[in-house]
Amino acid sequence: MAYPSEMFPTRTPFKYLHHLICVPVKVSDSVDSTFIFDSGIGLNLISKDLCSKLAAGGCKPTNQVFSGKRMSGQEVRCELVSLSSISIGTVRSENNVPAGILDMNLPPDFSEIGGFLSLQFFEKTPVTMSYNTGELIIETEKSIEELERHGKKVVPIELERNGPSIDAFLDLKLPSGKVIRAEVDSGSDSFILNSKFMTELGIDRESKNMRKVIGRDETGHEYARYFTHMEGPIGLQASEDIFQRDLDVVFQDIIYDGLIGDSFLKRYNVTYDVPRSRMMFI
């Protein structure tokens, strides 16, 4: 999918399911569904059930397996398929859209979810999450130029590619002044930092203001999460104007320095311009 041919950007309303952005899509020109936009998931995903509903050729096995890692380090493997098309509004991505098959074991309130859209889906087309209007906006070449002219804060992102998977990273400055590399993850609710930064930031994990949660994730991996309020600013290294102060933060042992979740992102309108390796905030 490249820039859409329309003169004006394509606007599609989204809704929240908990902290997750849900977008109506049409898959293989035949089935209407709802997908979650998740900038941190890396790979597009489709449920086994939805794949089986598509017409012949709509969801084709590739005889390949994708291997990635969750934020806590466990390996995740899934079968890769090729989708004939996915449409959002009037914009259609076609010709072998890559996706992984997900055997979704999700709660009942996720029954309408047929898959996940990653940054790979927007590899050639900038997309804006307009949080104040509740719209996913697929930009045109003209509209992206307008955003640049009208005050959007532009920051570079580092893209990591693993086959059909794309993840985006930003440099963040912590209250201590330390600069870290954090994944942009709209699929996470909280602002998450690696536990290794607790000492540097003066965070006492035994404090009475700390809430500790021990649990197991969907893979059976046991985790410890520390929920607390952290004073001081956390902002983008590339733009002094994009920062937030006194945030609720989760500390956890993860493979990244940190994750920038929905609680941070939704305070702006955010454009993911993957073709130019940048993001825009306003």
Protein backbone atom coordinates (compact mmCIF):
# COMPACT_ATOMS: atom_id res chain seq x y z
CA MET A 1 0.00 0.00 0.00
CA ALA A 2 1.45 3.34 -1.07
CA TYR A 3 -0.01 6.81 -0.71
CA PRO A 4 -3.72 6.59 -1.56
CA SER A 5 -4.73 8.22 -4.81
CA GLU A 6 -7.43 10.32 -3.14
CA MET A 7 -6.69 14.03 -2.78
CA PHE A 8 -7.77 14.03 0.84
CA PRO A 9 -6.75 11.68 3.67
CA THR A 10 -8.98 8.73 4.48
CA ARG A 11 -10.60 8.97 7.92
CA THR A 12 -11.91 5.88 9.68
CA PRO A 13 -13.45 6.07 13.18
CA PHE A 14 -11.84 3.85 15.79
CA LYS A 15 -13.05 2.77 19.20
CA TYR A 16 -11.30 1.63 22.34
CA LEU A 17 -11.49 -1.86 23.79
CA HIS A 18 -9.89 -1.30 27.17
CA HIS A 19 -6.71 0.55 26.11
CA LEU A 20 -6.58 -0.96 22.59
CA ILE A 21 -7.45 0.86 19.36
CA CYS A 22 -9.99 -1.11 17.28
CA VAL A 23 -10.49 -0.38 13.58
CA PRO A 24 -13.11 -1.77 11.15
CA VAL A 25 -11.52 -3.58 8.20
CA LYS A 26 -12.55 -5.74 5.26
CA VAL A 27 -10.35 -8.77 4.66
CA SER A 28 -9.86 -10.26 1.19
CA ASP A 29 -12.79 -8.15 -0.11
CA SER A 30 -15.20 -10.60 1.51
CA VAL A 31 -15.35 -10.47 5.31
CA ASP A 32 -15.91 -7.46 7.56
CA SER A 33 -13.97 -7.63 10.80
CA THR A 34 -12.37 -5.55 13.53
CA PHE A 35 -8.59 -5.43 13.95
CA ILE A 36 -6.54 -3.90 16.75
CA PHE A 37 -3.87 -1.40 15.73
CA ASP A 38 -0.80 -2.25 17.80
CA SER A 39 2.44 -0.42 16.96
CA GLY A 40 4.43 -2.78 19.17
CA ILE A 41 3.24 -6.14 17.91
CA GLY A 42 5.68 -6.19 14.97
CA LEU A 43 3.78 -8.60 12.75
CA ASN A 44 0.23 -8.43 11.37
CA LEU A 45 -1.87 -11.21 12.88
CA ILE A 46 -5.10 -12.92 11.86
CA SER A 47 -7.14 -15.39 13.89
CA LYS A 48 -7.45 -19.00 12.75
CA ASP A 49 -11.21 -18.60 12.72
CA LEU A 50 -11.18 -15.59 10.39
CA CYS A 51 -8.61 -17.19 8.10
CA SER A 52 -10.90 -20.21 7.67
CA LYS A 53 -13.84 -17.96 6.73
CA LEU A 54 -12.07 -16.31 3.81
CA ALA A 55 -12.70 -17.40 0.25
CA ALA A 56 -10.16 -19.62 -1.51
CA GLY A 57 -6.88 -17.76 -1.87
CA GLY A 58 -7.84 -15.13 0.69
CA CYS A 59 -5.55 -16.54 3.37
CA LYS A 60 -2.82 -18.67 1.84
CA PRO A 61 -0.17 -20.60 3.80
CA THR A 62 3.40 -19.65 2.92
CA ASN A 63 5.01 -22.72 4.52
CA GLN A 64 7.13 -20.37 6.60
CA VAL A 65 7.29 -19.80 10.35
CA PHE A 66 7.96 -16.46 12.05
CA SER A 67 9.95 -16.31 15.28
CA GLY A 68 9.92 -13.26 17.54
CA LYS A 69 10.20 -12.33 21.19
CA ARG A 70 7.75 -10.95 23.72
CA MET A 71 8.85 -7.98 25.81
CA SER A 72 9.82 -10.37 28.63
CA GLY A 73 12.05 -12.36 26.30
CA GLN A 74 10.12 -15.56 25.53
CA GLU A 75 10.23 -16.78 21.95
CA VAL A 76 6.93 -16.76 20.06
CA ARG A 77 6.51 -18.72 16.83
CA CYS A 78 3.61 -18.64 14.39
CA GLU A 79 2.76 -19.86 10.91
CA LEU A 80 2.92 -17.18 8.22
CA VAL A 81 0.12 -16.65 5.70
CA SER A 82 -0.48 -14.29 2.81
CA LEU A 83 -3.73 -12.30 2.71
CA SER A 84 -5.09 -11.23 -0.66
CA SER A 85 -6.13 -7.81 0.69
CA ILE A 86 -7.08 -5.71 3.70
CA SER A 87 -9.17 -2.55 3.30
CA ILE A 88 -9.60 0.34 5.72
CA GLY A 89 -12.26 2.71 4.47
CA THR A 90 -11.51 3.39 0.81
CA VAL A 91 -7.86 2.38 1.08
CA ARG A 92 -6.95 -1.16 0.06
CA SER A 93 -3.68 -3.00 0.61
CA GLU A 94 -3.33 -5.97 -1.70
CA ASN A 95 -0.93 -8.48 -3.22
CA ASN A 96 0.27 -10.77 -0.48
CA VAL A 97 -0.25 -8.89 2.77
CA PRO A 98 1.89 -10.84 5.27
CA ALA A 99 0.37 -12.04 8.55
CA GLY A 100 0.87 -14.59 11.25
CA ILE A 101 -1.80 -17.07 12.30
CA LEU A 102 -2.82 -16.42 15.88
CA ASP A 103 -4.76 -19.01 17.83
CA MET A 104 -6.50 -16.34 19.87
CA ASN A 105 -7.28 -17.32 23.42
CA LEU A 106 -8.79 -13.97 24.32
CA PRO A 107 -11.46 -12.94 26.85
CA PRO A 108 -15.13 -12.91 25.73
CA ASP A 109 -15.16 -9.14 25.21
CA PHE A 110 -12.61 -9.65 22.41
CA SER A 111 -15.01 -11.85 20.42
CA GLU A 112 -15.25 -9.34 17.54
CA ILE A 113 -11.47 -9.09 17.10
CA GLY A 114 -10.24 -10.85 13.97
CA GLY A 115 -6.60 -9.77 14.05
CA PHE A 116 -3.96 -7.12 14.65
CA LEU A 117 -2.47 -4.48 12.37
CA SER A 118 1.21 -3.73 12.93
CA LEU A 119 3.43 -0.96 11.60
CA GLN A 120 4.26 -3.31 8.73
CA PHE A 121 0.79 -2.70 7.30
CA PHE A 122 1.67 1.01 7.05
CA GLU A 123 5.19 0.43 5.78
CA LYS A 124 4.61 2.59 2.70
CA THR A 125 1.86 4.91 3.92
CA PRO A 126 1.90 7.35 6.87
CA VAL A 127 -1.00 6.95 9.30
CA THR A 128 -2.24 9.27 12.05
CA MET A 129 -3.99 8.30 15.27
CA SER A 130 -6.20 11.32 15.89
CA TYR A 131 -7.05 10.74 19.53
CA ASN A 132 -9.07 13.94 19.93
CA THR A 133 -11.47 12.97 17.10
CA GLY A 134 -11.28 9.18 17.49
CA GLU A 135 -10.10 8.58 13.92
CA LEU A 136 -7.41 6.59 12.16
CA ILE A 137 -6.28 8.80 9.27
CA ILE A 138 -4.42 7.36 6.28
CA GLU A 139 -2.46 10.31 4.95
CA THR A 140 -1.87 11.38 1.37
CA GLU A 141 1.32 12.96 0.10
CA LYS A 142 -0.39 16.36 0.22
CA SER A 143 -1.80 15.93 3.73
CA ILE A 144 1.53 14.85 5.19
CA GLU A 145 3.10 18.01 3.76
CA GLU A 146 0.34 20.04 5.42
CA LEU A 147 1.10 18.45 8.78
CA GLU A 148 4.73 19.47 8.43
CA ARG A 149 3.77 23.06 7.66
CA HIS A 150 1.32 23.40 10.53
CA GLY A 151 3.41 22.72 13.58
CA LYS A 152 3.70 18.97 13.93
CA LYS A 153 6.76 18.07 16.01
CA VAL A 154 8.84 15.71 13.87
CA VAL A 155 11.10 13.17 15.58
CA PRO A 156 13.22 10.41 14.02
CA ILE A 157 12.51 6.78 14.86
CA GLU A 158 14.72 3.75 14.56
CA LEU A 159 13.03 0.89 12.77
CA GLU A 160 13.89 -2.72 13.49
CA ARG A 161 12.91 -5.25 10.84
CA ASN A 162 12.68 -8.98 11.29
CA GLY A 163 11.30 -10.44 8.06
CA PRO A 164 7.69 -9.16 7.83
CA SER A 165 7.88 -7.59 11.30
CA ILE A 166 8.57 -3.88 12.00
CA ASP A 167 9.10 -2.23 15.40
CA ALA A 168 9.79 1.45 16.10
CA PHE A 169 12.05 2.93 18.79
CA LEU A 170 12.49 6.46 20.16
CA ASP A 171 15.14 7.97 22.40
CA LEU A 172 13.69 9.13 25.72
CA LYS A 173 15.16 11.30 28.46
CA LEU A 174 14.35 10.18 32.00
CA PRO A 175 14.06 12.54 35.03
CA SER A 176 17.66 11.63 35.94
CA GLY A 177 18.82 12.93 32.55
CA LYS A 178 19.67 9.46 31.28
CA VAL A 179 18.71 8.80 27.65
CA ILE A 180 17.20 5.39 26.91
CA ARG A 181 15.87 3.60 23.83
CA ALA A 182 12.16 2.73 24.14
CA GLU A 183 9.81 0.83 21.86
CA VAL A 184 6.68 2.65 20.70
CA ASP A 185 3.94 0.26 21.80
CA SER A 186 0.34 1.43 21.48
CA GLY A 187 -0.72 -2.07 22.53
CA SER A 188 0.57 -1.48 26.06
CA ASP A 189 -1.55 0.54 28.44
CA SER A 190 1.17 1.82 30.74
CA PHE A 191 4.51 3.53 30.44
CA ILE A 192 6.88 0.62 31.20
CA LEU A 193 10.53 0.90 32.22
CA ASN A 194 13.09 -1.83 32.69
CA SER A 195 13.56 -2.67 36.37
CA LYS A 196 17.28 -1.95 36.04
CA PHE A 197 16.50 1.79 36.14
CA MET A 198 14.78 1.73 39.54
CA THR A 199 17.94 2.43 41.56
CA GLU A 200 19.11 5.25 39.28
CA LEU A 201 15.69 6.91 39.50
CA GLY A 202 15.53 6.59 43.27
CA ILE A 203 12.67 4.09 43.21
CA ASP A 204 12.42 1.82 46.25
CA ARG A 205 10.63 -1.39 45.34
CA GLU A 206 9.82 -1.93 49.03
CA SER A 207 8.18 1.49 49.43
CA LYS A 208 4.65 1.63 50.85
CA ASN A 209 3.67 3.57 47.72
CA MET A 210 4.74 0.68 45.51
CA ARG A 211 2.18 -1.87 44.29
CA LYS A 212 3.72 -5.20 43.34
CA VAL A 213 1.88 -7.69 41.13
CA ILE A 214 3.06 -11.26 40.54
CA GLY A 215 1.39 -13.11 37.69
CA ARG A 216 1.72 -15.34 34.65
CA ASP A 217 1.23 -14.22 31.06
CA GLU A 218 -0.47 -16.15 28.26
CA THR A 219 2.67 -18.24 27.65
CA GLY A 220 2.94 -19.31 31.30
CA HIS A 221 5.88 -16.98 31.97
CA GLU A 222 5.91 -15.62 35.52
CA TYR A 223 6.46 -11.87 35.93
CA ALA A 224 6.78 -9.29 38.67
CA ARG A 225 5.45 -5.78 37.95
CA TYR A 226 6.00 -2.75 40.16
CA PHE A 227 3.44 0.06 39.83
CA THR A 228 4.34 3.50 41.16
CA HIS A 229 4.12 7.25 40.55
CA MET A 230 7.36 8.82 39.37
CA GLU A 231 8.05 12.53 39.74
CA GLY A 232 9.82 14.60 37.14
CA PRO A 233 9.61 14.83 33.33
CA ILE A 234 9.93 12.04 30.79
CA GLY A 235 10.28 13.31 27.24
CA LEU A 236 11.56 12.74 23.75
CA GLN A 237 15.26 13.38 23.33
CA ALA A 238 14.66 14.79 19.83
CA SER A 239 12.02 17.34 20.88
CA GLU A 240 12.03 19.23 24.19
CA ASP A 241 8.35 20.12 23.65
CA ILE A 242 7.16 16.51 23.84
CA PHE A 243 7.33 15.50 27.49
CA GLN A 244 5.05 14.52 30.35
CA ARG A 245 5.60 15.03 34.04
CA ASP A 246 4.82 12.95 37.12
CA LEU A 247 3.69 9.78 35.37
CA ASP A 248 2.32 6.49 36.62
CA VAL A 249 5.01 4.00 35.63
CA VAL A 250 5.37 0.20 35.63
CA PHE A 251 8.79 -1.35 36.24
CA GLN A 252 9.40 -4.87 34.95
CA ASP A 253 12.27 -7.06 33.75
CA ILE A 254 11.97 -6.69 29.96
CA ILE A 255 14.30 -6.96 26.96
CA TYR A 256 13.94 -3.24 26.14
CA ASP A 257 14.91 -0.13 28.10
CA GLY A 258 11.26 0.85 28.06
CA LEU A 259 7.90 0.88 26.29
CA ILE A 260 5.92 4.01 25.40
CA GLY A 261 2.32 2.94 25.85
CA ASP A 262 -1.15 4.29 25.19
CA SER A 263 -1.22 6.40 28.36
CA PHE A 264 1.58 8.55 26.93
CA LEU A 265 0.62 8.50 23.24
CA LYS A 266 -3.07 9.40 23.60
CA ARG A 267 -2.27 12.88 24.88
CA TYR A 268 -1.26 13.82 21.33
CA ASN A 269 -2.31 13.20 17.77
CA VAL A 270 0.42 10.85 16.58
CA THR A 271 1.54 10.20 13.00
CA TYR A 272 3.59 7.11 12.19
CA ASP A 273 5.54 7.94 9.03
CA VAL A 274 7.30 4.61 8.54
CA PRO A 275 8.38 5.39 4.95
CA ARG A 276 10.50 8.30 6.27
CA SER A 277 11.50 6.66 9.60
CA ARG A 278 9.88 9.34 11.73
CA MET A 279 6.92 10.18 13.93
CA MET A 280 4.99 13.41 14.26
CA PHE A 281 3.29 14.73 17.40
CA ILE A 282 0.85 17.59 17.94
